[in-house]
């Protein structure tokens, strides 16, 4: 009991500490990230372009792709954002804090934008790992044309690879994520998130193809091929640090264990180890003394496995009384380690005529060892005490080096006495156990 309580407490504490970081299903991720999303609108003469962005600081900073705001920078078009879930007319003016054409990144500032910032993953450029589930969130333009509301689009895929590349011919080489979470025009600038809701990248490009007409004119057409690209979040983190913009980052690695995504993998592992140790202690306490009560040596293990399991289900630990006197015949000097024969009052109540010890698997206590006859001896109840009778075995049975006469009645067993069964010597112990 003294060991089980601390282990169970440690297991419960580990689970309590790990629970808040677990995101079990994609809908949880969507609910976590969507409040931080904004639609980016660039409005010019007779035309309006729509894309995606997300909030990165509590001071009203948001980010999107540079090519989205390029008309605003080059031609002076108006720049607005619409918060996720807001009415289309509830536009807020935005200004560009800094633009990075080569990295296809722009940092915006929106006054009175009181939205929760996303969590940026800082666990390293090698995350997400290849094959990890990722989600793309944004505002595809087709949905707006079809009359969709201001809610975001949420698609799932996997991270295909992370490589070093450049968006422009002479641009700096950055980490790029290739993934299969479907995006469409309008998703540019939206986040790519892992199953824990951490932003791992920003959508920038998708695969397109060229069709050459008979006249030789190339036509670009958009075909979903499951190949989409995003800037790794490390690019964004570097720029935010350089600008001195506070952001919410984490270095905790997101892992998916048995379908559950968590950033507290080690807490869950500690809880699992503690639970296994607690269970092992419970089994160690109950099985040898209370449930199985079958001593097995050598080849007899296979023969007695079924009987042990049957006994366990027939008399589970919780059906025993709280206090019970147990006898133990302990043999220290035996090949394979210490060996105990445990006999409880419950055993004696079920077998009022006594328990047979021998090498025969049918015996109540099976000892498959040299010098042990098929039916070697029998222990019987003597009131509240215990006695032993020899069963005409060749090697004999002795108590304190005095042979037990099979026809002379049982020899009483007292605590501290020595019992010899063939060549094996046992010490008698007796104690009351509390359940």
Protein backbone atom coordinates (compact mmCIF):
# COMPACT_ATOMS: atom_id res chain seq x y z
CA UNK A 1 0.00 0.00 0.00
CA UNK A 2 2.82 2.41 0.86
CA UNK A 3 4.30 2.02 -2.62
CA UNK A 4 1.06 1.93 -4.55
CA UNK A 5 -0.30 5.23 -3.27
CA UNK A 6 2.69 7.36 -4.41
CA UNK A 7 2.74 5.65 -7.81
CA UNK A 8 -1.00 6.15 -8.31
CA UNK A 9 -0.64 9.78 -7.21
CA UNK A 10 2.22 10.31 -9.68
CA UNK A 11 0.12 8.77 -12.46
CA UNK A 12 -2.85 11.04 -11.71
CA UNK A 13 -0.59 14.11 -11.50
CA UNK A 14 1.02 13.30 -14.86
CA UNK A 15 -2.36 12.92 -16.57
CA UNK A 16 -3.59 16.16 -15.00
CA UNK A 17 -0.54 18.04 -16.25
CA UNK A 18 -0.74 16.56 -19.76
CA UNK A 19 -4.47 16.89 -20.37
CA UNK A 20 -4.70 20.59 -21.31
CA UNK A 21 -2.31 20.20 -24.26
CA UNK A 22 -4.19 17.43 -26.06
CA UNK A 23 -6.13 18.07 -29.26
CA UNK A 24 -7.99 14.89 -30.10
CA UNK A 25 -9.83 15.68 -33.35
CA UNK A 26 -9.59 18.11 -36.30
CA UNK A 27 -12.71 20.03 -35.25
CA UNK A 28 -10.88 20.97 -32.06
CA UNK A 29 -8.02 22.39 -34.14
CA UNK A 30 -10.45 24.37 -36.30
CA UNK A 31 -12.17 25.90 -33.27
CA UNK A 32 -8.77 26.77 -31.81
CA UNK A 33 -7.37 28.59 -34.86
CA UNK A 34 -10.43 30.12 -36.56
CA UNK A 35 -10.85 33.05 -34.09
CA UNK A 36 -7.36 34.21 -35.11
CA UNK A 37 -8.14 34.30 -38.84
CA UNK A 38 -8.73 37.42 -40.94
CA UNK A 39 -9.73 37.89 -44.57
CA UNK A 40 -7.44 40.31 -46.40
CA UNK A 41 -9.11 42.55 -49.01
CA UNK A 42 -7.24 44.66 -51.59
CA UNK A 43 -9.58 47.00 -53.45
CA UNK A 44 -8.74 48.93 -56.62
CA UNK A 45 -10.52 50.55 -59.54
CA UNK A 46 -13.39 48.23 -60.41
CA UNK A 47 -11.72 45.24 -58.80
CA UNK A 48 -11.28 43.62 -55.40
CA UNK A 49 -8.97 40.77 -54.48
CA UNK A 50 -9.42 38.53 -51.44
CA UNK A 51 -6.91 36.38 -49.58
CA UNK A 52 -6.17 35.07 -46.09
CA UNK A 53 -4.20 36.16 -43.06
CA UNK A 54 -3.91 35.47 -39.34
CA UNK A 55 -3.26 37.41 -36.15
CA UNK A 56 0.21 37.00 -34.62
CA UNK A 57 0.21 39.49 -31.73
CA UNK A 58 -2.18 40.95 -29.20
CA UNK A 59 -1.22 44.41 -30.47
CA UNK A 60 -3.19 43.96 -33.69
CA UNK A 61 -0.49 42.58 -35.96
CA UNK A 62 -1.50 40.15 -38.69
CA UNK A 63 0.46 38.50 -41.49
CA UNK A 64 -0.33 37.48 -45.04
CA UNK A 65 1.51 36.76 -48.29
CA UNK A 66 3.35 39.64 -49.99
CA UNK A 67 1.81 38.97 -53.39
CA UNK A 68 -1.61 39.58 -51.82
CA UNK A 69 -0.79 43.18 -50.79
CA UNK A 70 1.45 44.00 -53.73
CA UNK A 71 -1.27 46.06 -55.52
CA UNK A 72 -1.62 48.13 -52.35
CA UNK A 73 2.14 48.75 -52.20
CA UNK A 74 2.77 49.31 -55.92
CA UNK A 75 -0.48 50.94 -57.03
CA UNK A 76 -1.98 52.37 -53.85
CA UNK A 77 -5.04 50.12 -53.71
CA UNK A 78 -6.97 50.16 -50.45
CA UNK A 79 -6.13 47.49 -47.89
CA UNK A 80 -8.68 46.08 -45.42
CA UNK A 81 -9.16 43.07 -43.20
CA UNK A 82 -12.38 41.38 -42.10
CA UNK A 83 -12.32 39.38 -38.89
CA UNK A 84 -13.43 35.77 -38.98
CA UNK A 85 -17.17 35.53 -38.47
CA UNK A 86 -17.76 39.27 -38.97
CA UNK A 87 -20.16 40.70 -41.53
CA UNK A 88 -18.52 41.36 -44.94
CA UNK A 89 -19.12 45.08 -44.51
CA UNK A 90 -17.31 45.22 -41.17
CA UNK A 91 -13.98 46.04 -42.75
CA UNK A 92 -11.03 47.48 -40.88
CA UNK A 93 -8.32 49.53 -42.54
CA UNK A 94 -4.88 47.96 -42.41
CA UNK A 95 -1.42 49.22 -43.12
CA UNK A 96 1.74 47.38 -44.08
CA UNK A 97 4.34 47.43 -41.32
CA UNK A 98 6.97 45.62 -43.37
CA UNK A 99 6.97 43.72 -46.63
CA UNK A 100 9.37 40.95 -47.64
CA UNK A 101 8.95 40.31 -51.39
CA UNK A 102 11.60 37.57 -51.57
CA UNK A 103 10.03 35.61 -48.70
CA UNK A 104 6.48 36.40 -49.95
CA UNK A 105 5.56 37.74 -46.52
CA UNK A 106 3.91 40.94 -45.31
CA UNK A 107 3.29 42.09 -41.74
CA UNK A 108 0.17 44.23 -41.24
CA UNK A 109 -1.11 46.42 -38.41
CA UNK A 110 -4.83 46.83 -37.75
CA UNK A 111 -6.08 49.24 -35.13
CA UNK A 112 -8.42 47.85 -32.46
CA UNK A 113 -8.02 44.32 -33.71
CA UNK A 114 -8.68 42.46 -30.48
CA UNK A 115 -8.24 38.91 -31.64
CA UNK A 116 -6.39 36.07 -29.98
CA UNK A 117 -3.02 35.46 -31.66
CA UNK A 118 -2.11 32.05 -33.00
CA UNK A 119 0.60 29.87 -31.44
CA UNK A 120 3.70 29.64 -33.61
CA UNK A 121 5.71 26.43 -33.49
CA UNK A 122 9.40 26.98 -32.71
CA UNK A 123 10.29 23.31 -32.34
CA UNK A 124 12.70 23.39 -35.30
CA UNK A 125 12.95 23.45 -39.08
CA UNK A 126 12.51 19.67 -39.26
CA UNK A 127 8.92 19.85 -38.00
CA UNK A 128 6.32 18.95 -39.03
CA UNK A 129 7.76 15.54 -39.75
CA UNK A 130 7.17 13.83 -43.06
CA UNK A 131 3.76 12.14 -43.07
CA UNK A 132 2.33 14.18 -40.17
CA UNK A 133 -1.22 15.41 -40.61
CA UNK A 134 -1.46 19.14 -41.31
CA UNK A 135 -4.42 21.46 -41.86
CA UNK A 136 -4.79 24.46 -44.20
CA UNK A 137 -7.14 27.24 -43.10
CA UNK A 138 -8.18 30.17 -45.25
CA UNK A 139 -10.75 31.89 -47.46
CA UNK A 140 -10.85 30.32 -50.95
CA UNK A 141 -12.18 32.78 -53.52
CA UNK A 142 -14.60 30.33 -55.07
CA UNK A 143 -16.60 30.17 -51.84
CA UNK A 144 -17.17 33.93 -51.90
CA UNK A 145 -18.42 33.81 -55.48
CA UNK A 146 -20.83 31.07 -54.51
CA UNK A 147 -22.26 33.05 -51.63
CA UNK A 148 -20.40 31.49 -48.70
CA UNK A 149 -20.40 33.33 -45.38
CA UNK A 150 -17.30 34.82 -43.75
CA UNK A 151 -16.28 31.55 -42.08
CA UNK A 152 -13.03 29.87 -42.94
CA UNK A 153 -12.35 26.81 -45.06
CA UNK A 154 -10.59 23.90 -43.36
CA UNK A 155 -8.79 21.14 -45.29
CA UNK A 156 -6.57 18.29 -44.15
CA UNK A 157 -3.56 16.59 -45.67
CA UNK A 158 -0.07 15.43 -44.78
CA UNK A 159 3.34 17.05 -44.82
CA UNK A 160 5.15 15.55 -47.82
CA UNK A 161 8.60 17.01 -47.25
CA UNK A 162 10.52 20.05 -46.00
CA UNK A 163 13.22 21.40 -48.27
CA UNK A 164 15.32 24.49 -48.83
CA UNK A 165 14.23 26.62 -51.75
CA UNK A 166 13.42 30.16 -52.91
CA UNK A 167 10.19 31.82 -54.09
CA UNK A 168 12.06 34.08 -56.54
CA UNK A 169 15.01 33.39 -58.80
CA UNK A 170 17.44 35.57 -56.86
CA UNK A 171 15.69 35.37 -53.49
CA UNK A 172 17.15 33.93 -50.30
CA UNK A 173 16.81 30.23 -49.71
CA UNK A 174 14.30 29.44 -47.00
CA UNK A 175 12.63 26.36 -45.58
CA UNK A 176 9.55 25.37 -47.60
CA UNK A 177 6.89 22.82 -46.66
CA UNK A 178 5.28 20.73 -49.37
CA UNK A 179 1.94 19.34 -48.22
CA UNK A 180 -1.31 17.89 -49.56
CA UNK A 181 -3.91 19.93 -47.64
CA UNK A 182 -5.92 21.33 -50.55
CA UNK A 183 -5.77 25.09 -51.11
CA UNK A 184 -7.31 27.36 -53.74
CA UNK A 185 -6.81 30.97 -54.85
CA UNK A 186 -7.69 32.98 -51.76
CA UNK A 187 -5.90 30.64 -49.36
CA UNK A 188 -2.63 32.53 -49.86
CA UNK A 189 -1.42 33.95 -46.56
CA UNK A 190 -3.41 31.48 -44.48
CA UNK A 191 -1.76 29.26 -41.90
CA UNK A 192 -0.76 25.61 -42.07
CA UNK A 193 -1.23 24.08 -38.61
CA UNK A 194 -0.34 20.77 -37.00
CA UNK A 195 -2.78 18.54 -35.01
CA UNK A 196 -1.98 20.48 -31.81
CA UNK A 197 -3.14 23.75 -33.36
CA UNK A 198 0.36 25.22 -33.72
CA UNK A 199 1.13 27.18 -36.89
CA UNK A 200 3.95 25.48 -38.79
CA UNK A 201 3.79 27.40 -42.07
CA UNK A 202 2.01 29.95 -44.29
CA UNK A 203 0.45 28.97 -47.60
CA UNK A 204 2.05 30.69 -50.57
CA UNK A 205 1.90 28.70 -53.81
CA UNK A 206 0.28 25.71 -55.45
CA UNK A 207 1.10 23.68 -58.52
CA UNK A 208 -0.12 25.08 -61.83
CA UNK A 209 0.32 23.96 -65.41
CA UNK A 210 0.80 25.57 -68.83
CA UNK A 211 -1.29 24.71 -71.87
CA UNK A 212 0.09 25.72 -75.26
CA UNK A 213 -2.58 26.72 -77.77
CA UNK A 214 -2.14 25.94 -81.50
CA UNK A 215 -1.09 29.54 -81.99
CA UNK A 216 1.69 29.11 -79.49
CA UNK A 217 0.10 31.21 -76.76
CA UNK A 218 0.61 29.70 -73.27
CA UNK A 219 -2.42 29.49 -71.02
CA UNK A 220 -2.00 28.94 -67.33
CA UNK A 221 -4.63 26.66 -65.87
CA UNK A 222 -5.22 25.60 -62.32
CA UNK A 223 -5.38 21.89 -61.60
CA UNK A 224 -5.49 20.40 -58.09
CA UNK A 225 -2.63 17.92 -58.06
CA UNK A 226 -2.19 17.51 -54.32
CA UNK A 227 1.01 19.55 -54.37
CA UNK A 228 0.90 22.72 -52.28
CA UNK A 229 3.67 24.83 -50.81
CA UNK A 230 4.03 26.95 -47.70
CA UNK A 231 6.79 29.01 -46.12
CA UNK A 232 8.06 27.37 -42.97
CA UNK A 233 7.01 29.21 -39.81
CA UNK A 234 10.68 29.79 -38.94
CA UNK A 235 10.75 32.48 -41.66
CA UNK A 236 7.88 34.33 -39.96
CA UNK A 237 9.41 33.96 -36.50
CA UNK A 238 12.70 35.43 -37.71
CA UNK A 239 10.98 38.50 -39.17
CA UNK A 240 8.80 39.09 -36.11
CA UNK A 241 11.85 38.98 -33.86
CA UNK A 242 13.69 41.46 -36.08
CA UNK A 243 10.71 43.84 -35.94
CA UNK A 244 10.40 43.48 -32.18
CA UNK A 245 6.78 42.32 -32.47
CA UNK A 246 5.73 40.10 -29.54
CA UNK A 247 4.23 36.79 -30.56
CA UNK A 248 3.10 33.61 -28.88
CA UNK A 249 5.52 30.79 -29.62
CA UNK A 250 6.20 27.36 -28.22
CA UNK A 251 9.08 24.91 -28.50
CA UNK A 252 6.94 21.94 -27.48
CA UNK A 253 6.93 19.26 -30.17
CA UNK A 254 3.52 18.01 -31.32
CA UNK A 255 3.32 14.22 -31.37
CA UNK A 256 0.43 11.96 -32.30
CA UNK A 257 0.25 8.92 -30.00
CA UNK A 258 -2.50 6.36 -30.65
CA UNK A 259 -4.52 8.95 -32.53
CA UNK A 260 -4.16 11.63 -29.85
CA UNK A 261 -2.14 14.76 -30.60
CA UNK A 262 -0.24 16.23 -27.68
CA UNK A 263 2.67 18.50 -26.89
CA UNK A 264 3.14 16.87 -23.47
CA UNK A 265 4.28 13.46 -24.65
CA UNK A 266 6.66 12.98 -21.72
CA UNK A 267 3.91 13.64 -19.18
CA UNK A 268 1.74 11.01 -20.83
CA UNK A 269 4.68 8.60 -20.91
CA UNK A 270 5.31 9.21 -17.20
CA UNK A 271 1.63 8.64 -16.45
CA UNK A 272 1.65 5.40 -18.42
CA UNK A 273 4.78 4.13 -16.65
CA UNK A 274 3.34 5.04 -13.25
CA UNK A 275 0.05 3.30 -14.08
CA UNK A 276 1.87 0.16 -15.24
CA UNK A 277 3.96 0.12 -12.06
CA UNK A 278 0.84 0.51 -9.92
CA UNK A 279 -0.88 -2.31 -11.80
CA UNK A 280 2.21 -4.49 -11.45
CA UNK A 281 2.26 -3.90 -7.69
CA UNK A 282 -1.39 -4.85 -7.47
CA UNK A 283 -0.80 -8.04 -9.42
CA UNK A 284 2.34 -8.92 -7.46
CA UNK A 285 0.40 -8.50 -4.24
CA UNK A 286 -2.64 -10.52 -5.28
CA UNK A 287 -1.58 -13.21 -7.72
CA UNK A 288 1.00 -15.29 -5.81
CA UNK A 289 -0.82 -15.17 -2.48
CA UNK A 290 -4.46 -14.90 -3.25
CA UNK A 291 -5.49 -15.68 -6.79
CA UNK A 292 -3.20 -18.22 -8.40
CA UNK A 293 -1.61 -20.05 -5.45
CA UNK A 294 0.04 -22.58 -7.73
CA UNK A 295 3.79 -23.13 -7.45
CA UNK A 296 5.38 -24.12 -10.75
CA UNK A 297 8.90 -25.20 -11.61
CA UNK A 298 10.31 -26.05 -15.02
CA UNK A 299 8.01 -27.71 -17.54
CA UNK A 300 5.04 -27.66 -15.20
CA UNK A 301 4.45 -23.98 -16.05
CA UNK A 302 2.69 -24.85 -19.29
CA UNK A 303 0.63 -27.59 -17.70
CA UNK A 304 -0.55 -25.37 -14.86
CA UNK A 305 -1.19 -22.16 -16.79
CA UNK A 306 -4.80 -23.02 -17.53
CA UNK A 307 -5.50 -24.00 -13.92
CA UNK A 308 -3.94 -20.79 -12.64
CA UNK A 309 -6.00 -18.66 -15.00
CA UNK A 310 -9.18 -20.54 -14.12
CA UNK A 311 -8.51 -20.06 -10.42
CA UNK A 312 -7.94 -16.35 -10.98
CA UNK A 313 -11.32 -15.85 -12.66
CA UNK A 314 -13.15 -18.15 -10.27
CA UNK A 315 -11.86 -16.37 -7.16
CA UNK A 316 -10.91 -12.79 -8.03
CA UNK A 317 -9.09 -10.75 -5.37
CA UNK A 318 -12.06 -8.56 -4.46
CA UNK A 319 -14.12 -11.56 -3.32
CA UNK A 320 -11.78 -12.30 -0.42
CA UNK A 321 -12.25 -11.02 3.11
CA UNK A 322 -10.29 -8.10 4.46
CA UNK A 323 -8.18 -10.09 6.93
CA UNK A 324 -6.78 -13.51 6.17
CA UNK A 325 -4.16 -15.72 7.76
CA UNK A 326 -1.62 -16.99 5.25
CA UNK A 327 1.00 -19.71 5.59
CA UNK A 328 4.12 -19.58 3.52
CA UNK A 329 6.64 -22.36 2.98
CA UNK A 330 9.70 -20.48 1.75
CA UNK A 331 12.59 -22.18 -0.03
CA UNK A 332 15.60 -19.95 -0.67
CA UNK A 333 18.17 -22.43 -1.99
CA UNK A 334 16.55 -23.59 -5.22
CA UNK A 335 17.56 -23.39 -8.86
CA UNK A 336 15.76 -20.56 -10.62
CA UNK A 337 15.42 -18.34 -7.53
CA UNK A 338 13.39 -18.32 -4.30
CA UNK A 339 10.26 -20.44 -4.23
CA UNK A 340 7.18 -20.00 -2.05
CA UNK A 341 4.24 -22.26 -1.35
CA UNK A 342 1.41 -20.02 -0.11
CA UNK A 343 -1.62 -21.43 1.67
CA UNK A 344 -4.44 -19.21 2.95
CA UNK A 345 -7.44 -19.84 5.14
CA UNK A 346 -9.59 -19.53 2.03
CA UNK A 347 -7.62 -22.36 0.41
CA UNK A 348 -8.21 -24.56 3.46
CA UNK A 349 -11.91 -23.73 3.55
CA UNK A 350 -12.24 -24.84 -0.05
CA UNK A 351 -10.25 -28.04 0.65
CA UNK A 352 -11.18 -29.15 4.20
CA UNK A 353 -9.35 -32.46 3.70
CA UNK A 354 -6.12 -30.66 2.90
CA UNK A 355 -3.97 -29.68 -0.07
CA UNK A 356 -1.73 -32.17 -1.84
CA UNK A 357 1.82 -31.20 -2.78
CA UNK A 358 3.54 -33.21 -5.54
CA UNK A 359 4.96 -33.26 -9.06
CA UNK A 360 1.66 -34.36 -10.61
CA UNK A 361 -0.02 -31.37 -12.34
CA UNK A 362 -3.28 -32.45 -10.76
CA UNK A 363 -1.94 -31.65 -7.27
CA UNK A 364 -3.07 -28.54 -5.47
CA UNK A 365 0.54 -27.37 -5.28
CA UNK A 366 2.70 -28.63 -8.12
CA UNK A 367 6.47 -28.94 -7.54
CA UNK A 368 8.16 -30.32 -10.63
CA UNK A 369 11.59 -30.95 -9.08
CA UNK A 370 13.96 -33.84 -8.42
CA UNK A 371 13.02 -35.93 -5.41
CA UNK A 372 9.38 -34.82 -5.37
CA UNK A 373 6.95 -37.69 -5.77
CA UNK A 374 3.78 -37.36 -7.79
CA UNK A 375 1.90 -37.07 -4.49
CA UNK A 376 4.53 -36.21 -1.92
CA UNK A 377 2.80 -34.65 1.08
CA UNK A 378 -0.45 -33.15 2.22
CA UNK A 379 -1.04 -30.04 4.36
CA UNK A 380 -4.21 -30.06 6.44
CA UNK A 381 -5.91 -27.58 8.78
CA UNK A 382 -5.46 -28.16 12.51
CA UNK A 383 -8.02 -25.71 13.83
CA UNK A 384 -6.40 -22.32 13.18
CA UNK A 385 -3.03 -23.98 12.68
CA UNK A 386 -1.50 -26.09 9.96
CA UNK A 387 -0.17 -29.63 9.82
CA UNK A 388 1.57 -31.82 7.25
CA UNK A 389 1.23 -35.52 6.43
CA UNK A 390 3.71 -37.62 4.44
CA UNK A 391 2.26 -39.59 1.50
CA UNK A 392 4.67 -42.54 1.30
CA UNK A 393 7.14 -40.70 -0.96
CA UNK A 394 10.51 -42.30 -1.54
CA UNK A 395 12.55 -39.27 -0.37
CA UNK A 396 10.26 -38.65 2.58
CA UNK A 397 8.92 -35.62 4.40
CA UNK A 398 10.53 -34.19 7.54
CA UNK A 399 9.81 -31.38 10.01
CA UNK A 400 12.90 -30.06 11.82
CA UNK A 401 14.81 -33.12 10.49
CA UNK A 402 12.30 -35.54 12.01
CA UNK A 403 10.65 -37.77 9.45
CA UNK A 404 6.90 -37.55 9.31
CA UNK A 405 5.39 -41.02 9.68
CA UNK A 406 2.57 -41.37 7.11
CA UNK A 407 0.64 -43.54 9.57
CA UNK A 408 1.40 -41.40 12.61
CA UNK A 409 -0.86 -38.47 11.89
CA UNK A 410 -0.02 -34.91 10.90
CA UNK A 411 3.01 -33.09 12.22
CA UNK A 412 2.16 -29.53 13.30
CA UNK A 413 3.84 -26.67 11.46
CA UNK A 414 4.91 -23.76 13.60
CA UNK A 415 6.45 -20.48 12.44
CA UNK A 416 10.19 -20.89 12.05
CA UNK A 417 10.07 -24.66 11.63
CA UNK A 418 11.97 -26.31 8.78
CA UNK A 419 10.16 -28.62 6.41
CA UNK A 420 12.02 -30.93 4.04
CA UNK A 421 10.24 -32.31 0.96
CA UNK A 422 12.67 -34.68 -0.71
CA UNK A 423 15.82 -32.57 -1.17
CA UNK A 424 14.04 -29.22 -0.87
CA UNK A 425 14.04 -27.40 2.47
CA UNK A 426 11.38 -24.85 3.37
CA UNK A 427 11.03 -22.42 6.27
CA UNK A 428 7.54 -22.00 7.73
CA UNK A 429 6.13 -18.48 8.02
CA UNK A 430 2.75 -17.31 9.17
CA UNK A 431 1.21 -13.85 9.11
CA UNK A 432 -2.12 -12.10 8.91
CA UNK A 433 -2.61 -10.09 5.72
CA UNK A 434 -4.78 -7.03 5.35
CA UNK A 435 -6.60 -6.71 2.04
